[in-house]
C-alpha atoms as a PDB file:
ATOM      1  CA  MET A   1       2.245 -33.201   1.391  1.00  0.00           C
ATOM      2  CA  LEU A   2       3.796 -29.739   1.523  1.00  0.00           C
ATOM      3  CA  ARG A   3       7.492 -29.367   0.787  1.00  0.00           C
ATOM      4  CA  GLY A   4      10.144 -26.744   1.452  1.00  0.00           C
ATOM      5  CA  ARG A   5       9.015 -23.415   0.070  1.00  0.00           C
ATOM      6  CA  GLU A   6       5.322 -24.366   0.109  1.00  0.00           C
ATOM      7  CA  MET A   7       5.402 -24.834   3.883  1.00  0.00           C
ATOM      8  CA  VAL A   8       6.630 -21.321   4.638  1.00  0.00           C
ATOM      9  CA  GLN A   9       4.705 -19.357   2.023  1.00  0.00           C
ATOM     10  CA  LYS A  10       1.923 -17.268   3.473  1.00  0.00           C
ATOM     11  CA  LYS A  11      -0.825 -15.272   1.857  1.00  0.00           C
ATOM     12  CA  GLN A  12       0.345 -11.828   0.779  1.00  0.00           C
ATOM     13  CA  MET A  13      -1.143  -9.167   3.038  1.00  0.00           C
ATOM     14  CA  PHE A  14      -1.299  -5.691   1.556  1.00  0.00           C
ATOM     15  CA  ASN A  15      -1.669  -2.578   3.686  1.00  0.00           C
ATOM     16  CA  LYS A  16      -3.930   0.434   3.124  1.00  0.00           C
ATOM     17  CA  SER A  17      -1.157   2.325   1.326  1.00  0.00           C
ATOM     18  CA  TYR A  18      -1.142  -0.418  -1.298  1.00  0.00           C
ATOM     19  CA  THR A  19      -4.904  -0.157  -1.717  1.00  0.00           C
ATOM     20  CA  TYR A  20      -5.413   3.604  -1.630  1.00  0.00           C
ATOM     21  CA  ILE A  21      -2.060   5.301  -2.377  1.00  0.00           C
ATOM     22  CA  LEU A  22      -0.333   3.055  -4.918  1.00  0.00           C
ATOM     23  CA  PRO A  23      -2.868   3.778  -7.711  1.00  0.00           C
ATOM     24  CA  MET A  24      -1.733   7.415  -7.903  1.00  0.00           C
ATOM     25  CA  LEU A  25       1.700   6.324  -9.124  1.00  0.00           C
ATOM     26  CA  SER A  26       0.108   4.292 -11.929  1.00  0.00           C
ATOM     27  CA  THR A  27      -0.906   7.562 -13.597  1.00  0.00           C
ATOM     28  CA  GLN A  28       2.737   8.688 -13.721  1.00  0.00           C
ATOM     29  CA  PHE A  29       4.616   5.647 -15.009  1.00  0.00           C
ATOM     30  CA  ASP A  30       4.226   1.949 -15.812  1.00  0.00           C
ATOM     31  CA  LEU A  31       3.892   0.232 -12.483  1.00  0.00           C
ATOM     32  CA  VAL A  32       4.888  -3.434 -12.538  1.00  0.00           C
ATOM     33  CA  ARG A  33       3.355  -5.344  -9.642  1.00  0.00           C
ATOM     34  CA  THR A  34       5.373  -8.514 -10.175  1.00  0.00           C
ATOM     35  CA  ASN A  35       7.656  -8.823  -7.121  1.00  0.00           C
ATOM     36  CA  LEU A  36       6.041  -5.752  -5.511  1.00  0.00           C
ATOM     37  CA  VAL A  37       5.800  -6.698  -1.838  1.00  0.00           C
ATOM     38  CA  ASN A  38       3.962  -3.649  -0.526  1.00  0.00           C
ATOM     39  CA  SER A  39       3.645   0.128  -0.539  1.00  0.00           C
ATOM     40  CA  TYR A  40       4.297   2.463   2.393  1.00  0.00           C
ATOM     41  CA  ILE A  41       3.976   6.137   3.295  1.00  0.00           C
ATOM     42  CA  GLY A  42       7.245   6.205   5.193  1.00  0.00           C
ATOM     43  CA  SER A  43      10.283   4.375   6.500  1.00  0.00           C
ATOM     44  CA  ASP A  44      11.846   4.603   9.942  1.00  0.00           C
ATOM     45  CA  GLU A  45      15.279   4.622   8.280  1.00  0.00           C
ATOM     46  CA  PHE A  46      14.408   7.598   6.074  1.00  0.00           C
ATOM     47  CA  SER A  47      12.177   9.767   8.233  1.00  0.00           C
ATOM     48  CA  GLY A  48      13.046  12.857   6.176  1.00  0.00           C
ATOM     49  CA  TYR A  49      10.846  11.509   3.399  1.00  0.00           C
ATOM     50  CA  ASP A  50       7.614  12.007   5.302  1.00  0.00           C
ATOM     51  CA  ASN A  51       5.534  13.070   2.298  1.00  0.00           C
ATOM     52  CA  HIS A  52       6.521  10.291  -0.084  1.00  0.00           C
ATOM     53  CA  ILE A  53       5.480   6.891  -1.391  1.00  0.00           C
ATOM     54  CA  PHE A  54       7.718   3.892  -0.759  1.00  0.00           C
ATOM     55  CA  LEU A  55       7.577   0.767  -2.931  1.00  0.00           C
ATOM     56  CA  LEU A  56       9.189  -2.398  -1.612  1.00  0.00           C
ATOM     57  CA  TYR A  57      10.184  -4.901  -4.290  1.00  0.00           C
ATOM     58  CA  ARG A  58      11.614  -8.376  -3.846  1.00  0.00           C
ATOM     59  CA  TYR A  59      15.032  -8.113  -5.483  1.00  0.00           C
ATOM     60  CA  ILE A  60      15.449 -10.317  -8.534  1.00  0.00           C
ATOM     61  CA  GLY A  61      18.882  -9.961 -10.113  1.00  0.00           C
ATOM     62  CA  ASN A  62      17.805 -10.833 -13.639  1.00  0.00           C
ATOM     63  CA  PRO A  63      18.318  -8.373 -16.522  1.00  0.00           C
ATOM     64  CA  ARG A  64      14.595  -7.614 -16.804  1.00  0.00           C
ATOM     65  CA  PHE A  65      14.342  -6.528 -13.160  1.00  0.00           C
ATOM     66  CA  ILE A  66      17.539  -4.477 -13.377  1.00  0.00           C
ATOM     67  CA  GLU A  67      16.137  -2.763 -16.477  1.00  0.00           C
ATOM     68  CA  TYR A  68      12.933  -1.978 -14.551  1.00  0.00           C
ATOM     69  CA  GLU A  69      14.990  -0.551 -11.665  1.00  0.00           C
ATOM     70  CA  ASP A  70      16.750   1.757 -14.145  1.00  0.00           C
ATOM     71  CA  TYR A  71      13.375   2.775 -15.578  1.00  0.00           C
ATOM     72  CA  LEU A  72      11.992   3.672 -12.121  1.00  0.00           C
ATOM     73  CA  GLU A  73      15.100   5.733 -11.345  1.00  0.00           C
ATOM     74  CA  ARG A  74      14.515   7.811 -14.486  1.00  0.00           C
ATOM     75  CA  THR A  75      10.911   8.725 -13.615  1.00  0.00           C
ATOM     76  CA  LYS A  76      10.268  12.335 -12.638  1.00  0.00           C
ATOM     77  CA  LEU A  77       8.914  11.389  -9.190  1.00  0.00           C
ATOM     78  CA  PHE A  78      11.875   9.194  -8.207  1.00  0.00           C
ATOM     79  CA  GLU A  79      13.757  10.466  -5.160  1.00  0.00           C
ATOM     80  CA  ALA A  80      15.940   7.610  -3.900  1.00  0.00           C
ATOM     81  CA  LYS A  81      16.322   3.891  -3.447  1.00  0.00           C
ATOM     82  CA  TYR A  82      17.963   1.689  -0.849  1.00  0.00           C
ATOM     83  CA  ASP A  83      18.280  -1.960   0.113  1.00  0.00           C
ATOM     84  CA  PRO A  84      16.527  -2.498   3.455  1.00  0.00           C
ATOM     85  CA  ASP A  85      17.880  -6.053   3.533  1.00  0.00           C
ATOM     86  CA  LYS A  86      19.696  -8.320   1.102  1.00  0.00           C
ATOM     87  CA  TYR A  87      16.437  -9.633  -0.410  1.00  0.00           C
ATOM     88  CA  HIS A  88      14.597  -6.376  -1.189  1.00  0.00           C
ATOM     89  CA  VAL A  89      14.960  -2.939  -2.712  1.00  0.00           C
ATOM     90  CA  MET A  90      12.919   0.098  -1.655  1.00  0.00           C
ATOM     91  CA  PHE A  91      12.082   2.907  -4.075  1.00  0.00           C
ATOM     92  CA  ILE A  92      11.063   6.330  -2.783  1.00  0.00           C
ATOM     93  CA  PHE A  93       8.849   8.589  -4.887  1.00  0.00           C
ATOM     94  CA  LYS A  94       7.419  12.063  -4.469  1.00  0.00           C
ATOM     95  CA  VAL A  95       3.653  12.275  -4.178  1.00  0.00           C
ATOM     96  CA  PRO A  96       2.279  13.465  -7.528  1.00  0.00           C
ATOM     97  CA  ARG A  97       1.307  17.110  -7.045  1.00  0.00           C
ATOM     98  CA  GLU A  98      -2.207  16.534  -8.399  1.00  0.00           C
ATOM     99  CA  TYR A  99      -2.806  13.862  -5.716  1.00  0.00           C
ATOM    100  CA  GLN A 100      -1.420  15.672  -2.669  1.00  0.00           C
ATOM    101  CA  VAL A 101      -4.936  16.303  -1.341  1.00  0.00           C
ATOM    102  CA  VAL A 102      -5.773  12.597  -1.678  1.00  0.00           C
ATOM    103  CA  TYR A 103      -2.550  11.662   0.112  1.00  0.00           C
ATOM    104  CA  ASP A 104      -3.399  14.029   2.977  1.00  0.00           C
ATOM    105  CA  LEU A 105      -6.989  12.719   3.191  1.00  0.00           C
ATOM    106  CA  PHE A 106      -5.619   9.170   3.298  1.00  0.00           C
ATOM    107  CA  LYS A 107      -3.393   9.957   6.268  1.00  0.00           C
ATOM    108  CA  LYS A 108      -6.455  11.291   8.115  1.00  0.00           C
ATOM    109  CA  GLY A 109      -8.532   8.225   7.193  1.00  0.00           C
ATOM    110  CA  LYS A 110     -10.991  10.311   5.132  1.00  0.00           C
ATOM    111  CA  TYR A 111     -11.418   7.763   2.332  1.00  0.00           C
ATOM    112  CA  SER A 112     -14.962   8.789   1.410  1.00  0.00           C
ATOM    113  CA  GLU A 113     -13.723  12.332   0.745  1.00  0.00           C
ATOM    114  CA  PHE A 114     -11.427  11.233  -2.097  1.00  0.00           C
ATOM    115  CA  PRO A 115     -12.476  12.925  -5.359  1.00  0.00           C
ATOM    116  CA  GLU A 116     -14.760  10.771  -7.509  1.00  0.00           C
ATOM    117  CA  GLU A 117     -12.175  10.481 -10.298  1.00  0.00           C
ATOM    118  CA  TYR A 118      -9.633   9.112  -7.806  1.00  0.00           C
ATOM    119  CA  LYS A 119     -12.120   6.549  -6.518  1.00  0.00           C
ATOM    120  CA  ILE A 120     -12.581   5.403 -10.122  1.00  0.00           C
ATOM    121  CA  LEU A 121      -8.793   5.180 -10.513  1.00  0.00           C
ATOM    122  CA  ILE A 122      -8.647   2.893  -7.450  1.00  0.00           C
ATOM    123  CA  PHE A 123     -11.355   0.659  -8.963  1.00  0.00           C
ATOM    124  CA  LYS A 124      -9.537   0.463 -12.301  1.00  0.00           C
ATOM    125  CA  PHE A 125      -6.126  -0.132 -10.763  1.00  0.00           C
ATOM    126  CA  HIS A 126      -7.340  -2.973  -8.536  1.00  0.00           C
ATOM    127  CA  GLN A 127      -9.871  -4.208 -11.108  1.00  0.00           C
ATOM    128  CA  ILE A 128     -12.778  -3.773  -8.711  1.00  0.00           C
ATOM    129  CA  VAL A 129     -16.079  -4.229 -10.523  1.00  0.00           C
ATOM    130  CA  ASP A 130     -18.352  -5.266  -7.660  1.00  0.00           C
ATOM    131  CA  GLU A 131     -20.116  -2.498  -5.738  1.00  0.00           C
ATOM    132  CA  ASN A 132     -20.127  -4.837  -2.726  1.00  0.00           C
ATOM    133  CA  HIS A 133     -16.335  -5.062  -2.679  1.00  0.00           C
ATOM    134  CA  LYS A 134     -15.019  -3.877   0.690  1.00  0.00           C
ATOM    135  CA  VAL A 135     -12.981  -1.067  -0.885  1.00  0.00           C
ATOM    136  CA  ALA A 136     -16.103   0.265  -2.619  1.00  0.00           C
ATOM    137  CA  LYS A 137     -18.002   0.085   0.658  1.00  0.00           C
ATOM    138  CA  VAL A 138     -15.246   2.056   2.401  1.00  0.00           C
ATOM    139  CA  LEU A 139     -15.027   4.721  -0.301  1.00  0.00           C
ATOM    140  CA  TYR A 140     -18.794   5.233  -0.323  1.00  0.00           C
ATOM    141  CA  LYS A 141     -19.485   4.621   3.386  1.00  0.00           C
ATOM    142  CA  HIS A 142     -21.980   1.814   2.763  1.00  0.00           C
ATOM    143  CA  LEU A 143     -24.532   1.498   5.521  1.00  0.00           C
ATOM    144  CA  ASP A 144     -24.126  -2.286   5.854  1.00  0.00           C
ATOM    145  CA  LEU A 145     -20.395  -1.888   6.585  1.00  0.00           C
ATOM    146  CA  LYS A 146     -21.185   0.776   9.180  1.00  0.00           C
ATOM    147  CA  GLU A 147     -23.720  -1.560  10.805  1.00  0.00           C
ATOM    148  CA  GLU A 148     -21.210  -4.419  10.755  1.00  0.00           C
ATOM    149  CA  LEU A 149     -18.666  -2.208  12.528  1.00  0.00           C
ATOM    150  CA  GLU A 150     -21.225  -1.098  15.083  1.00  0.00           C
ATOM    151  CA  ASP A 151     -22.131  -4.717  15.828  1.00  0.00           C
ATOM    152  CA  ARG A 152     -18.493  -5.780  16.091  1.00  0.00           C
ATOM    153  CA  LEU A 153     -17.504  -2.841  18.296  1.00  0.00           C
ATOM    154  CA  ASP A 154     -20.830  -2.769  20.197  1.00  0.00           C
ATOM    155  CA  ILE A 155     -21.187   1.003  19.698  1.00  0.00           C
ATOM    156  CA  ILE A 156     -23.239   3.424  17.631  1.00  0.00           C
ATOM    157  CA  LEU A 157     -21.086   5.378  15.183  1.00  0.00           C
ATOM    158  CA  PRO A 158     -22.007   8.947  14.267  1.00  0.00           C
ATOM    159  CA  ARG A 159     -23.871   9.220  10.967  1.00  0.00           C
ATOM    160  CA  ASN A 160     -20.923  10.834   9.132  1.00  0.00           C
ATOM    161  CA  SER A 161     -18.267   8.334  10.337  1.00  0.00           C
ATOM    162  CA  GLU A 162     -15.854   6.709   7.960  1.00  0.00           C
ATOM    163  CA  VAL A 163     -16.264   2.929   7.836  1.00  0.00           C
ATOM    164  CA  SER A 164     -12.578   2.063   7.953  1.00  0.00           C
ATOM    165  CA  SER A 165      -9.993   3.055  10.522  1.00  0.00           C
ATOM    166  CA  VAL A 166      -7.336   5.703  10.120  1.00  0.00           C
ATOM    167  CA  PRO A 167      -4.160   4.126   8.654  1.00  0.00           C
ATOM    168  CA  ASP A 168      -2.125   2.358  11.333  1.00  0.00           C
ATOM    169  CA  LEU A 169       1.372   3.828  11.079  1.00  0.00           C
ATOM    170  CA  ASP A 170       2.846   0.591  12.484  1.00  0.00           C
ATOM    171  CA  ILE A 171       1.733  -1.026   9.220  1.00  0.00           C
ATOM    172  CA  GLU A 172       1.947   1.912   6.805  1.00  0.00           C
ATOM    173  CA  ILE A 173       5.531   2.898   7.691  1.00  0.00           C
ATOM    174  CA  TYR A 174       8.288   0.426   6.877  1.00  0.00           C
ATOM    175  CA  THR A 175      10.236  -0.510  10.003  1.00  0.00           C
ATOM    176  CA  GLU A 176      13.250  -2.547  11.062  1.00  0.00           C
ATOM    177  CA  GLU A 177      10.948  -5.366  12.213  1.00  0.00           C
ATOM    178  CA  MET A 178       9.672  -5.848   8.652  1.00  0.00           C
ATOM    179  CA  LYS A 179      13.106  -6.703   7.275  1.00  0.00           C
ATOM    180  CA  VAL A 180      13.783 -10.220   6.084  1.00  0.00           C
ATOM    181  CA  THR A 181      16.813 -11.801   7.723  1.00  0.00           C
ATOM    182  CA  ASN A 182      16.123 -15.362   6.584  1.00  0.00           C
ATOM    183  CA  PRO A 183      13.854 -15.897   3.552  1.00  0.00           C
ATOM    184  CA  LEU A 184      13.013 -19.435   4.683  1.00  0.00           C
ATOM    185  CA  VAL A 185      11.494 -18.215   7.928  1.00  0.00           C
ATOM    186  CA  PRO A 186       8.628 -15.802   7.296  1.00  0.00           C
ATOM    187  CA  PRO A 187       8.388 -12.767   9.565  1.00  0.00           C
ATOM    188  CA  GLU A 188       5.456 -12.431  11.917  1.00  0.00           C
ATOM    189  CA  ASN A 189       2.415 -11.075  10.094  1.00  0.00           C
ATOM    190  CA  PRO A 190       1.995  -7.445  11.273  1.00  0.00           C
ATOM    191  CA  PHE A 191      -1.664  -7.531  10.231  1.00  0.00           C
END
């Protein structure tokens, strides 16, 4: 029988920013994924930061988390932080200069055009070791994924098509609807 917290917990759903953009920050500072809810490329509350990376953490008021917050604020890419609701804290970072091209390619959905060394960074960061992993298939435009998409969509894709959609800004930009007002009632899954 499920009780209390177990009944409302849902599987964590990460967006494309988490998969493809977050690894670039791991080259700049120690990135702790404990309590990391998701990563975004924008926020409707802070539209002036349109070329940044947003990290949403579940706020934990213990000394270790507060020490980590202080650490993040001292990194060279840190720009700002804010509390989108009383349960979370959002950190805003500049895009590392050496990854600006990757960031721009991501926004266009050109995953296969990422430099080879960045693809390897994604594999290391997410501990992907299987060439049949979906992320690997996206980065290398595997034919079987293309065929699967064609079957599902009942169309023929051009030979040079990417095999994953362009990032959906409704999911990649943090919005008012994503805020938690009651932690016991999970928000609707935007995915």
